[in-house]
Amino acid sequence: MANENVRIHPTAEVSPKARIGTGTSVWNLVQIREGVVIGRNCIIGKDAYVDFDVHIGDNVKIQNSCLVYHGVTLEDGVFLGPQVCLTNDRNPRAITPEGQLKGNDDWVVGPILVKYGASLGACSVILPNVTIGRFALIAAGAVVTRDVPDHGLVVGNPARLTGYVCRCGRKMEKKDKGYHCPTCNWDFTPQEG
């Protein structure tokens, strides 16, 4: 349940079984389901949907019209651009092969973990059973079908690794066996494998 230090727009629909941290703002037309845990100082933008039992860390920004489905965990400092969709079923179908409407027993949830400081560009789609690494950057419109390494920069459909980004969000330059950020003078060596 929200406390008095949380700002919730009157048109937002927030379950009384959700927990929302101090300093968080929930904007108009947002829906937050039961069992959701949202940390401190977050922004949940207009028309976002946060499904049941989703866990969101501190200082997370979810922009307008994002869809965050059951099975998702967002660590501290994650950014979701407008209309990001975090899915949870790799084989979605409305009906069985016999034409019957599928129910909860037919549904296999695949988790998504978005790690500390990662940034997902507008309209990107993340498929289930994927981990997005720390400070990774997902380009706008990318469709992520597999894990993204820490600081990885991925683009396209399906998304492919095209480089690495710094903690400051700038693309890094290749240097020796690693990468260097000319903006903040930080060096990074990707993990093998």
Foldseek 3Di string as FASTA:
>chain_A
DEDPQEAEDPQEAEDPQEAAEGQEYEDHLEYHDHLEYAYHNEYAEANEYAEHNEYYEYCEYEYHNEYHYPQEYEYPQEYEEAHEYEDFAPDDDQADPVRHGDDPVVGDGAHEYEDANDYEYANEYEYGPEYEEHPDYEYHNEYDDYYAYHQFYWDDVPTDTDAGADSVGHTWDDDDQWTADPVPGDIDHTDDD
